[in-house]
Structure formats: C-alpha cells, structure tokens
Amino acid sequence: MCNPPRHFRFENYWPGFEDFQDTVAGSWARPTLCHDPFLILHCKLTRLTRDLTKWSSKTIGDLKIRGAVTSELIGCLDRAMDIRLLTAQERQFRNMLKLNLLGIAALQHSHWRQRARLAWLKDGDANTSFFHSKASARRRKKMILSLMQDEQILTSQEGKLELIHNFFMDLIGTHRQRHHSLRLHELGIIPSDQHDLEADFTETEVKVAIHEVKVAIHEINGDKAPGLDGFTGRFFQNCWNTVKPKMLAAVQAFVHLQTAEL
C-alpha cells in the first residue's frame, strides 16, 4: 500500500510552468506493483504527490524567501543609484529583478486566493493580504481546540483523534428501530420495479458512465477545496489526457462492481 505524504496540497498555478506536464507524465508512466484498478490509481496519485513536491521545491522554492531576497537586491541597487549611475548591466539586472518580483507576487496572490476559497471574487478584486486574512480566519474557524468525553476535556491531538474515530466507528453501521415511515403513494410517488438494480451494466451504459465522468470533471470548479489526496479539480482538468486511462479503468471496475479493500 502506498502511503501519501502529509500536508500535500496541489497549487492551481503549477500547470502554468513549462515542465509541469512533463513531470506529471513522467511520474504517471512509471509502473506499479498493483493489479487492482483502484489500487493502481491510488498508488499513482500518491507517487505523484511526492514527485510534484520535489519538483515544486526545485523549480519554485519558497516564495516568501525568494521575494525577500529579490526585494533586498533591488534595495541595494536603489541605494547604489542614489550615489552613482548604474552600469548598463546593473540596470538590466535591476529590471530583471523587478519583473521577477512581480511574478513572485502573482504566485503568492494565487496561493492565498486558493487558500481563501472565495469563488465569488474575480482576479484583481482583492489583494493578497485580504486572501491571507480570509484563509487565516478559515483555519481558526475549523480548529477544534478541545472535546469533552465523560466530563473530561481532551485537548491533545491524539486524544481528540481517538474520540472522533471511536464515535463514528460506533455510529456507522448501527441498526436502529425505525419509528416512522413514508407512504409514498400519498405523495403521488409511484413505486418502480427495482429487481434489475443488481444486474450487470450493458456496454452502452458503461460508455455513458465514462462520458459522464469526463463531463463532470471538466464542469467542476477547479478552485474548490481539494480532496483527501490534496488534488483539486484543476489538476484533473489540466492533466486529463495523462490520467484518463487509469481513471476510466477505475470507473469501469466500479461499474462492474470489481471492488477491493483499499
């Protein structure tokens, strides 16, 4: 079983880099030891998170540090310009640094906009500090500082995780007596014959299901929150030609009820 790295999050500005698609294609093309379509898809996505993390660190680096270093270099040239004329090479270097700083600012803007998840705002309607404050507010709002169990307050991360896990494990699958029922005919709903629900899908139904998957992926908002694997809809939209075969293989396996314990 492939174990995904912690805290991976796909950045929606990554596809704008020239070697991004090559990195994804190279990682995706490497074979896996799995045979089940679901496990193959899981292992390929997990491996891709590691490869993209390394690629981002090498190609983009820490935007905050890069911005600080670039600003310091521009400041040094500005101070030198106050006491003498800059050479042609220095002026060219200063212009290059300012363009680089603008690019870093644009990436930071995109980064915090994605964290803020404000889909109703258009680009340019708010600055990076606004998105930063909204993302910080979301983080504080989602944080669970403590939980109570049998009049005992739990504040440690391990204690809270154990309590939440045990609560839902006890809840899921618990049979409870039903005290009320619905008379569907009173609501004008005509019961339908459900005997063929467990029948195998026809070839036409399989093709329709595959087409619906493609349409759904390209119609979702790519800026929405990522899944548990850290990938947003933007990744699947931009890399659809690469990931399509394994994605559709998993869909076909699901359609034919070829499931496995993941």
C-alpha atoms as a PDB file:
ATOM      1  CA  MET A   1       0.000   0.000   0.000  1.00  0.00           C
ATOM      2  CA  CYS A   2       1.309   3.459  -0.932  1.00  0.00           C
ATOM      3  CA  ASN A   3       1.350   5.972   1.896  1.00  0.00           C
ATOM      4  CA  PRO A   4       0.738   9.568   0.772  1.00  0.00           C
ATOM      5  CA  PRO A   5       2.896  12.372   2.204  1.00  0.00           C
ATOM      6  CA  ARG A   6       1.339  14.592   4.822  1.00  0.00           C
ATOM      7  CA  HIS A   7       0.088  18.097   4.087  1.00  0.00           C
ATOM      8  CA  PHE A   8       0.272  17.849   0.291  1.00  0.00           C
ATOM      9  CA  ARG A   9      -1.829  20.423  -1.499  1.00  0.00           C
ATOM     10  CA  PHE A  10      -1.945  20.921  -5.241  1.00  0.00           C
ATOM     11  CA  GLU A  11      -1.333  24.543  -6.246  1.00  0.00           C
ATOM     12  CA  ASN A  12      -3.566  25.690  -9.082  1.00  0.00           C
ATOM     13  CA  TYR A  13      -0.803  27.838 -10.580  1.00  0.00           C
ATOM     14  CA  TRP A  14       1.520  24.854 -11.130  1.00  0.00           C
ATOM     15  CA  PRO A  15       0.131  23.956 -14.604  1.00  0.00           C
ATOM     16  CA  GLY A  16       1.378  27.336 -15.850  1.00  0.00           C
ATOM     17  CA  PHE A  17       5.006  26.156 -15.660  1.00  0.00           C
ATOM     18  CA  GLU A  18       6.503  24.691 -18.817  1.00  0.00           C
ATOM     19  CA  ASP A  19       7.862  21.454 -17.321  1.00  0.00           C
ATOM     20  CA  PHE A  20       4.793  20.688 -15.200  1.00  0.00           C
ATOM     21  CA  GLN A  21       3.108  18.405 -17.746  1.00  0.00           C
ATOM     22  CA  ASP A  22       6.387  16.561 -18.367  1.00  0.00           C
ATOM     23  CA  THR A  23       6.790  15.978 -14.631  1.00  0.00           C
ATOM     24  CA  VAL A  24       3.254  14.608 -14.319  1.00  0.00           C
ATOM     25  CA  ALA A  25       3.599  12.409 -17.419  1.00  0.00           C
ATOM     26  CA  GLY A  26       6.961  11.012 -16.279  1.00  0.00           C
ATOM     27  CA  SER A  27       5.661  10.145 -12.819  1.00  0.00           C
ATOM     28  CA  TRP A  28       2.404   8.680 -14.146  1.00  0.00           C
ATOM     29  CA  ALA A  29       4.131   6.486 -16.724  1.00  0.00           C
ATOM     30  CA  ARG A  30       6.182   4.594 -14.146  1.00  0.00           C
ATOM     31  CA  PRO A  31       4.672   1.131 -13.481  1.00  0.00           C
ATOM     32  CA  THR A  32       3.228  -0.035 -10.171  1.00  0.00           C
ATOM     33  CA  LEU A  33       3.177  -3.429  -8.487  1.00  0.00           C
ATOM     34  CA  CYS A  34      -0.618  -3.304  -8.091  1.00  0.00           C
ATOM     35  CA  HIS A  35      -3.151  -5.038 -10.337  1.00  0.00           C
ATOM     36  CA  ASP A  36      -6.438  -3.729  -8.953  1.00  0.00           C
ATOM     37  CA  PRO A  37      -7.573  -0.572 -10.859  1.00  0.00           C
ATOM     38  CA  PHE A  38      -8.379   1.272  -7.621  1.00  0.00           C
ATOM     39  CA  LEU A  39      -5.009   0.485  -6.070  1.00  0.00           C
ATOM     40  CA  ILE A  40      -3.207   1.444  -9.276  1.00  0.00           C
ATOM     41  CA  LEU A  41      -4.934   4.837  -9.300  1.00  0.00           C
ATOM     42  CA  HIS A  42      -4.237   5.331  -5.595  1.00  0.00           C
ATOM     43  CA  CYS A  43      -0.543   4.437  -5.898  1.00  0.00           C
ATOM     44  CA  LYS A  44      -0.021   6.628  -8.960  1.00  0.00           C
ATOM     45  CA  LEU A  45      -1.636   9.643  -7.264  1.00  0.00           C
ATOM     46  CA  THR A  46       0.385   9.017  -4.111  1.00  0.00           C
ATOM     47  CA  ARG A  47       3.644   8.780  -6.028  1.00  0.00           C
ATOM     48  CA  LEU A  48       2.721  11.891  -7.989  1.00  0.00           C
ATOM     49  CA  THR A  49       2.299  13.891  -4.769  1.00  0.00           C
ATOM     50  CA  ARG A  50       5.919  13.102  -3.867  1.00  0.00           C
ATOM     51  CA  ASP A  51       7.208  13.920  -7.342  1.00  0.00           C
ATOM     52  CA  LEU A  52       5.295  17.207  -7.513  1.00  0.00           C
ATOM     53  CA  THR A  53       6.520  18.182  -4.058  1.00  0.00           C
ATOM     54  CA  LYS A  54      10.142  17.654  -5.155  1.00  0.00           C
ATOM     55  CA  TRP A  55       9.508  19.440  -8.451  1.00  0.00           C
ATOM     56  CA  SER A  56       7.934  22.440  -6.723  1.00  0.00           C
ATOM     57  CA  SER A  57      10.787  22.688  -4.227  1.00  0.00           C
ATOM     58  CA  LYS A  58      13.356  22.638  -7.032  1.00  0.00           C
ATOM     59  CA  THR A  59      11.545  24.776  -9.612  1.00  0.00           C
ATOM     60  CA  ILE A  60       9.620  27.297  -7.486  1.00  0.00           C
ATOM     61  CA  GLY A  61      11.070  27.092  -3.992  1.00  0.00           C
ATOM     62  CA  ASP A  62       9.888  29.145  -1.038  1.00  0.00           C
ATOM     63  CA  LEU A  63       8.052  32.165  -2.448  1.00  0.00           C
ATOM     64  CA  LYS A  64       8.423  34.142   0.774  1.00  0.00           C
ATOM     65  CA  ILE A  65      12.212  33.721   0.843  1.00  0.00           C
ATOM     66  CA  ARG A  66      12.545  34.373  -2.877  1.00  0.00           C
ATOM     67  CA  GLY A  67      10.525  37.563  -2.544  1.00  0.00           C
ATOM     68  CA  ALA A  68      12.585  38.778   0.404  1.00  0.00           C
ATOM     69  CA  VAL A  69      15.916  38.115  -1.353  1.00  0.00           C
ATOM     70  CA  THR A  70      14.741  39.789  -4.562  1.00  0.00           C
ATOM     71  CA  SER A  71      13.492  42.860  -2.666  1.00  0.00           C
ATOM     72  CA  GLU A  72      16.807  43.143  -0.823  1.00  0.00           C
ATOM     73  CA  LEU A  73      18.780  43.035  -4.075  1.00  0.00           C
ATOM     74  CA  ILE A  74      16.555  45.713  -5.619  1.00  0.00           C
ATOM     75  CA  GLY A  75      17.052  47.828  -2.492  1.00  0.00           C
ATOM     76  CA  CYS A  76      20.839  47.512  -2.771  1.00  0.00           C
ATOM     77  CA  LEU A  77      20.763  48.675  -6.385  1.00  0.00           C
ATOM     78  CA  ASP A  78      18.425  51.551  -5.486  1.00  0.00           C
ATOM     79  CA  ARG A  79      20.807  52.724  -2.771  1.00  0.00           C
ATOM     80  CA  ALA A  80      23.714  52.491  -5.180  1.00  0.00           C
ATOM     81  CA  MET A  81      21.737  54.519  -7.729  1.00  0.00           C
ATOM     82  CA  ASP A  82      21.443  57.365  -5.173  1.00  0.00           C
ATOM     83  CA  ILE A  83      25.202  57.920  -5.168  1.00  0.00           C
ATOM     84  CA  ARG A  84      26.236  56.949  -8.711  1.00  0.00           C
ATOM     85  CA  LEU A  85      24.967  55.967 -12.111  1.00  0.00           C
ATOM     86  CA  LEU A  86      24.281  52.293 -12.616  1.00  0.00           C
ATOM     87  CA  THR A  87      26.053  50.471 -15.392  1.00  0.00           C
ATOM     88  CA  ALA A  88      24.080  49.008 -18.281  1.00  0.00           C
ATOM     89  CA  GLN A  89      24.436  45.508 -16.809  1.00  0.00           C
ATOM     90  CA  GLU A  90      23.229  46.720 -13.401  1.00  0.00           C
ATOM     91  CA  ARG A  91      20.194  48.450 -14.922  1.00  0.00           C
ATOM     92  CA  GLN A  92      19.349  45.310 -16.882  1.00  0.00           C
ATOM     93  CA  PHE A  93      19.774  43.195 -13.746  1.00  0.00           C
ATOM     94  CA  ARG A  94      17.548  45.569 -11.734  1.00  0.00           C
ATOM     95  CA  ASN A  95      14.803  45.419 -14.377  1.00  0.00           C
ATOM     96  CA  MET A  96      15.024  41.622 -14.386  1.00  0.00           C
ATOM     97  CA  LEU A  97      14.715  41.550 -10.583  1.00  0.00           C
ATOM     98  CA  LYS A  98      11.623  43.780 -10.643  1.00  0.00           C
ATOM     99  CA  LEU A  99       9.958  41.542 -13.218  1.00  0.00           C
ATOM    100  CA  ASN A 100      10.868  38.530 -11.104  1.00  0.00           C
ATOM    101  CA  LEU A 101       9.362  40.198  -8.027  1.00  0.00           C
ATOM    102  CA  LEU A 102       6.123  40.864  -9.902  1.00  0.00           C
ATOM    103  CA  GLY A 103       5.967  37.195 -10.862  1.00  0.00           C
ATOM    104  CA  ILE A 104       6.530  36.112  -7.250  1.00  0.00           C
ATOM    105  CA  ALA A 105       3.782  38.485  -6.084  1.00  0.00           C
ATOM    106  CA  ALA A 106       1.385  36.999  -8.662  1.00  0.00           C
ATOM    107  CA  LEU A 107       2.134  33.456  -7.445  1.00  0.00           C
ATOM    108  CA  GLN A 108       1.618  34.495  -3.814  1.00  0.00           C
ATOM    109  CA  HIS A 109      -1.674  36.129  -4.789  1.00  0.00           C
ATOM    110  CA  SER A 110      -2.814  32.882  -6.448  1.00  0.00           C
ATOM    111  CA  HIS A 111      -1.621  30.820  -3.467  1.00  0.00           C
ATOM    112  CA  TRP A 112      -3.619  32.773  -0.896  1.00  0.00           C
ATOM    113  CA  ARG A 113      -6.637  33.136  -3.148  1.00  0.00           C
ATOM    114  CA  GLN A 114      -6.809  29.350  -3.360  1.00  0.00           C
ATOM    115  CA  ARG A 115      -6.496  29.055   0.416  1.00  0.00           C
ATOM    116  CA  ALA A 116      -9.242  31.646   0.966  1.00  0.00           C
ATOM    117  CA  ARG A 117     -11.634  29.740  -1.372  1.00  0.00           C
ATOM    118  CA  LEU A 118     -13.597  32.832  -2.321  1.00  0.00           C
ATOM    119  CA  ALA A 119     -15.031  31.699  -5.639  1.00  0.00           C
ATOM    120  CA  TRP A 120     -17.307  34.735  -5.898  1.00  0.00           C
ATOM    121  CA  LEU A 121     -14.359  37.155  -6.192  1.00  0.00           C
ATOM    122  CA  LYS A 122     -12.739  37.778  -9.535  1.00  0.00           C
ATOM    123  CA  ASP A 123      -8.991  38.183 -10.013  1.00  0.00           C
ATOM    124  CA  GLY A 124      -7.948  41.710  -9.159  1.00  0.00           C
ATOM    125  CA  ASP A 125     -10.890  42.407  -6.859  1.00  0.00           C
ATOM    126  CA  ALA A 126      -8.825  41.969  -3.693  1.00  0.00           C
ATOM    127  CA  ASN A 127      -5.157  41.950  -2.764  1.00  0.00           C
ATOM    128  CA  THR A 128      -3.051  39.147  -1.311  1.00  0.00           C
ATOM    129  CA  SER A 129      -3.383  40.375   2.283  1.00  0.00           C
ATOM    130  CA  PHE A 130      -7.168  40.113   2.010  1.00  0.00           C
ATOM    131  CA  PHE A 131      -6.940  36.480   0.876  1.00  0.00           C
ATOM    132  CA  HIS A 132      -4.364  35.811   3.596  1.00  0.00           C
ATOM    133  CA  SER A 133      -6.683  37.133   6.308  1.00  0.00           C
ATOM    134  CA  LYS A 134      -9.635  35.112   4.962  1.00  0.00           C
ATOM    135  CA  ALA A 135      -7.558  31.911   4.841  1.00  0.00           C
ATOM    136  CA  SER A 136      -6.339  32.502   8.406  1.00  0.00           C
ATOM    137  CA  ALA A 137      -9.912  33.087   9.547  1.00  0.00           C
ATOM    138  CA  ARG A 138     -11.000  29.805   7.923  1.00  0.00           C
ATOM    139  CA  ARG A 139      -8.180  27.950   9.701  1.00  0.00           C
ATOM    140  CA  ARG A 140      -9.142  29.395  13.089  1.00  0.00           C
ATOM    141  CA  LYS A 141     -12.830  28.641  12.483  1.00  0.00           C
ATOM    142  CA  LYS A 142     -12.155  24.997  11.595  1.00  0.00           C
ATOM    143  CA  MET A 143      -9.798  24.353  14.507  1.00  0.00           C
ATOM    144  CA  ILE A 144     -11.199  22.152  17.289  1.00  0.00           C
ATOM    145  CA  LEU A 145      -9.432  23.236  20.450  1.00  0.00           C
ATOM    146  CA  SER A 146     -10.981  20.682  22.791  1.00  0.00           C
ATOM    147  CA  LEU A 147     -13.581  17.914  23.077  1.00  0.00           C
ATOM    148  CA  MET A 148     -15.426  16.586  26.125  1.00  0.00           C
ATOM    149  CA  GLN A 149     -15.834  12.904  26.983  1.00  0.00           C
ATOM    150  CA  ASP A 150     -17.487  11.786  30.215  1.00  0.00           C
ATOM    151  CA  GLU A 151     -16.953  15.242  31.745  1.00  0.00           C
ATOM    152  CA  GLN A 152     -13.258  15.058  30.814  1.00  0.00           C
ATOM    153  CA  ILE A 153     -11.850  17.736  28.498  1.00  0.00           C
ATOM    154  CA  LEU A 154      -9.462  16.436  25.819  1.00  0.00           C
ATOM    155  CA  THR A 155      -7.006  18.927  24.323  1.00  0.00           C
ATOM    156  CA  SER A 156      -4.243  16.714  22.903  1.00  0.00           C
ATOM    157  CA  GLN A 157      -4.299  15.887  19.200  1.00  0.00           C
ATOM    158  CA  GLU A 158      -4.104  12.135  19.889  1.00  0.00           C
ATOM    159  CA  GLY A 159      -6.982  12.251  22.374  1.00  0.00           C
ATOM    160  CA  LYS A 160      -9.247  14.212  20.029  1.00  0.00           C
ATOM    161  CA  LEU A 161      -8.489  11.917  17.094  1.00  0.00           C
ATOM    162  CA  GLU A 162      -9.227   8.806  19.149  1.00  0.00           C
ATOM    163  CA  LEU A 163     -12.505  10.210  20.439  1.00  0.00           C
ATOM    164  CA  ILE A 164     -13.706  11.230  16.966  1.00  0.00           C
ATOM    165  CA  HIS A 165     -12.644   7.891  15.474  1.00  0.00           C
ATOM    166  CA  ASN A 166     -14.409   5.860  18.143  1.00  0.00           C
ATOM    167  CA  PHE A 167     -17.559   7.983  17.901  1.00  0.00           C
ATOM    168  CA  PHE A 168     -18.021   7.430  14.175  1.00  0.00           C
ATOM    169  CA  MET A 169     -16.978   3.779  14.307  1.00  0.00           C
ATOM    170  CA  ASP A 170     -19.736   3.175  16.852  1.00  0.00           C
ATOM    171  CA  LEU A 171     -22.196   5.216  14.795  1.00  0.00           C
ATOM    172  CA  ILE A 172     -21.591   3.724  11.350  1.00  0.00           C
ATOM    173  CA  GLY A 173     -23.476   0.510  10.748  1.00  0.00           C
ATOM    174  CA  THR A 174     -25.546   0.736  13.942  1.00  0.00           C
ATOM    175  CA  HIS A 175     -29.057  -0.602  13.413  1.00  0.00           C
ATOM    176  CA  ARG A 176     -31.797   1.471  14.987  1.00  0.00           C
ATOM    177  CA  GLN A 177     -35.504   0.833  15.103  1.00  0.00           C
ATOM    178  CA  ARG A 178     -37.495   2.990  12.720  1.00  0.00           C
ATOM    179  CA  HIS A 179     -40.390   4.775  14.423  1.00  0.00           C
ATOM    180  CA  HIS A 180     -41.802   6.461  11.313  1.00  0.00           C
ATOM    181  CA  SER A 181     -42.306   5.556   7.674  1.00  0.00           C
ATOM    182  CA  LEU A 182     -43.384   7.313   4.489  1.00  0.00           C
ATOM    183  CA  ARG A 183     -46.462   6.402   2.446  1.00  0.00           C
ATOM    184  CA  LEU A 184     -45.076   7.178  -0.988  1.00  0.00           C
ATOM    185  CA  HIS A 185     -48.425   6.718  -2.733  1.00  0.00           C
ATOM    186  CA  GLU A 186     -49.875   9.519  -0.570  1.00  0.00           C
ATOM    187  CA  LEU A 187     -47.172  11.798  -2.019  1.00  0.00           C
ATOM    188  CA  GLY A 188     -48.039  10.827  -5.558  1.00  0.00           C
ATOM    189  CA  ILE A 189     -44.861   8.739  -5.994  1.00  0.00           C
ATOM    190  CA  ILE A 190     -45.468   5.543  -7.916  1.00  0.00           C
ATOM    191  CA  PRO A 191     -43.248   2.627  -6.791  1.00  0.00           C
ATOM    192  CA  SER A 192     -40.980   1.291  -9.531  1.00  0.00           C
ATOM    193  CA  ASP A 193     -39.632  -2.161 -10.164  1.00  0.00           C
ATOM    194  CA  GLN A 194     -36.143  -2.401  -8.647  1.00  0.00           C
ATOM    195  CA  HIS A 195     -35.389  -6.049  -9.388  1.00  0.00           C
ATOM    196  CA  ASP A 196     -32.803  -5.232 -12.076  1.00  0.00           C
ATOM    197  CA  LEU A 197     -30.642  -2.916  -9.944  1.00  0.00           C
ATOM    198  CA  GLU A 198     -28.114  -5.685  -9.321  1.00  0.00           C
ATOM    199  CA  ALA A 199     -27.922  -6.681 -12.979  1.00  0.00           C
ATOM    200  CA  ASP A 200     -24.711  -6.098 -14.924  1.00  0.00           C
ATOM    201  CA  PHE A 201     -24.350  -2.841 -16.824  1.00  0.00           C
ATOM    202  CA  THR A 202     -24.708  -3.060 -20.577  1.00  0.00           C
ATOM    203  CA  GLU A 203     -21.903  -1.877 -22.854  1.00  0.00           C
ATOM    204  CA  THR A 204     -23.927   1.226 -23.724  1.00  0.00           C
ATOM    205  CA  GLU A 205     -24.464   2.078 -20.045  1.00  0.00           C
ATOM    206  CA  VAL A 206     -20.727   1.722 -19.412  1.00  0.00           C
ATOM    207  CA  LYS A 207     -19.931   4.164 -22.243  1.00  0.00           C
ATOM    208  CA  VAL A 208     -22.495   6.628 -20.895  1.00  0.00           C
ATOM    209  CA  ALA A 209     -20.996   6.407 -17.392  1.00  0.00           C
ATOM    210  CA  ILE A 210     -17.484   7.047 -18.743  1.00  0.00           C
ATOM    211  CA  HIS A 211     -18.714  10.040 -20.745  1.00  0.00           C
ATOM    212  CA  GLU A 212     -20.475  11.437 -17.676  1.00  0.00           C
ATOM    213  CA  VAL A 213     -17.228  11.207 -15.679  1.00  0.00           C
ATOM    214  CA  LYS A 214     -15.384  13.275 -18.287  1.00  0.00           C
ATOM    215  CA  VAL A 215     -18.152  15.877 -18.428  1.00  0.00           C
ATOM    216  CA  ALA A 216     -18.331  16.119 -14.625  1.00  0.00           C
ATOM    217  CA  ILE A 217     -14.560  16.615 -14.280  1.00  0.00           C
ATOM    218  CA  HIS A 218     -14.477  19.425 -16.828  1.00  0.00           C
ATOM    219  CA  GLU A 219     -17.549  21.161 -15.407  1.00  0.00           C
ATOM    220  CA  ILE A 220     -16.486  21.327 -11.760  1.00  0.00           C
ATOM    221  CA  ASN A 221     -14.986  24.491 -10.325  1.00  0.00           C
ATOM    222  CA  GLY A 222     -11.236  23.889 -10.272  1.00  0.00           C
ATOM    223  CA  ASP A 223     -10.775  26.363  -7.416  1.00  0.00           C
ATOM    224  CA  LYS A 224     -12.915  24.398  -4.978  1.00  0.00           C
ATOM    225  CA  ALA A 225     -11.451  22.640  -1.938  1.00  0.00           C
ATOM    226  CA  PRO A 226      -9.117  19.707  -2.702  1.00  0.00           C
ATOM    227  CA  GLY A 227      -9.936  16.103  -1.937  1.00  0.00           C
ATOM    228  CA  LEU A 228      -8.333  13.993   0.761  1.00  0.00           C
ATOM    229  CA  ASP A 229      -5.396  13.330  -1.571  1.00  0.00           C
ATOM    230  CA  GLY A 230      -4.693  17.074  -1.886  1.00  0.00           C
ATOM    231  CA  PHE A 231      -5.576  17.347  -5.592  1.00  0.00           C
ATOM    232  CA  THR A 232      -8.065  19.957  -6.770  1.00  0.00           C
ATOM    233  CA  GLY A 233     -10.350  19.749  -9.777  1.00  0.00           C
ATOM    234  CA  ARG A 234      -7.889  21.944 -11.680  1.00  0.00           C
ATOM    235  CA  PHE A 235      -5.331  19.117 -11.679  1.00  0.00           C
ATOM    236  CA  PHE A 236      -7.684  16.599 -13.281  1.00  0.00           C
ATOM    237  CA  GLN A 237      -8.851  19.173 -15.821  1.00  0.00           C
ATOM    238  CA  ASN A 238      -5.311  20.115 -16.889  1.00  0.00           C
ATOM    239  CA  CYS A 239      -3.903  16.575 -16.800  1.00  0.00           C
ATOM    240  CA  TRP A 240      -6.941  14.698 -18.087  1.00  0.00           C
ATOM    241  CA  ASN A 241      -5.161  13.236 -21.134  1.00  0.00           C
ATOM    242  CA  THR A 242      -2.477  11.783 -18.850  1.00  0.00           C
ATOM    243  CA  VAL A 243      -4.628  10.384 -16.043  1.00  0.00           C
ATOM    244  CA  LYS A 244      -7.663   9.451 -18.173  1.00  0.00           C
ATOM    245  CA  PRO A 245      -6.811   5.760 -18.850  1.00  0.00           C
ATOM    246  CA  LYS A 246      -6.332   4.844 -15.165  1.00  0.00           C
ATOM    247  CA  MET A 247      -9.281   6.994 -14.081  1.00  0.00           C
ATOM    248  CA  LEU A 248     -11.603   5.330 -16.571  1.00  0.00           C
ATOM    249  CA  ALA A 249     -10.268   1.882 -15.656  1.00  0.00           C
ATOM    250  CA  ALA A 250     -11.264   2.542 -12.043  1.00  0.00           C
ATOM    251  CA  VAL A 251     -14.685   3.788 -13.173  1.00  0.00           C
ATOM    252  CA  GLN A 252     -15.230   0.692 -15.293  1.00  0.00           C
ATOM    253  CA  ALA A 253     -14.200  -1.556 -12.402  1.00  0.00           C
ATOM    254  CA  PHE A 254     -16.681   0.250 -10.160  1.00  0.00           C
ATOM    255  CA  VAL A 255     -19.426  -0.029 -12.746  1.00  0.00           C
ATOM    256  CA  HIS A 256     -18.844  -3.772 -12.911  1.00  0.00           C
ATOM    257  CA  LEU A 257     -18.599  -3.935  -9.102  1.00  0.00           C
ATOM    258  CA  GLN A 258     -14.962  -5.066  -9.160  1.00  0.00           C
ATOM    259  CA  THR A 259     -14.147  -3.516  -5.796  1.00  0.00           C
ATOM    260  CA  ALA A 260     -11.220  -4.167  -3.442  1.00  0.00           C
ATOM    261  CA  GLU A 261     -10.223  -3.386   0.113  1.00  0.00           C
ATOM    262  CA  LEU A 262      -8.206  -0.167  -0.140  1.00  0.00           C
END
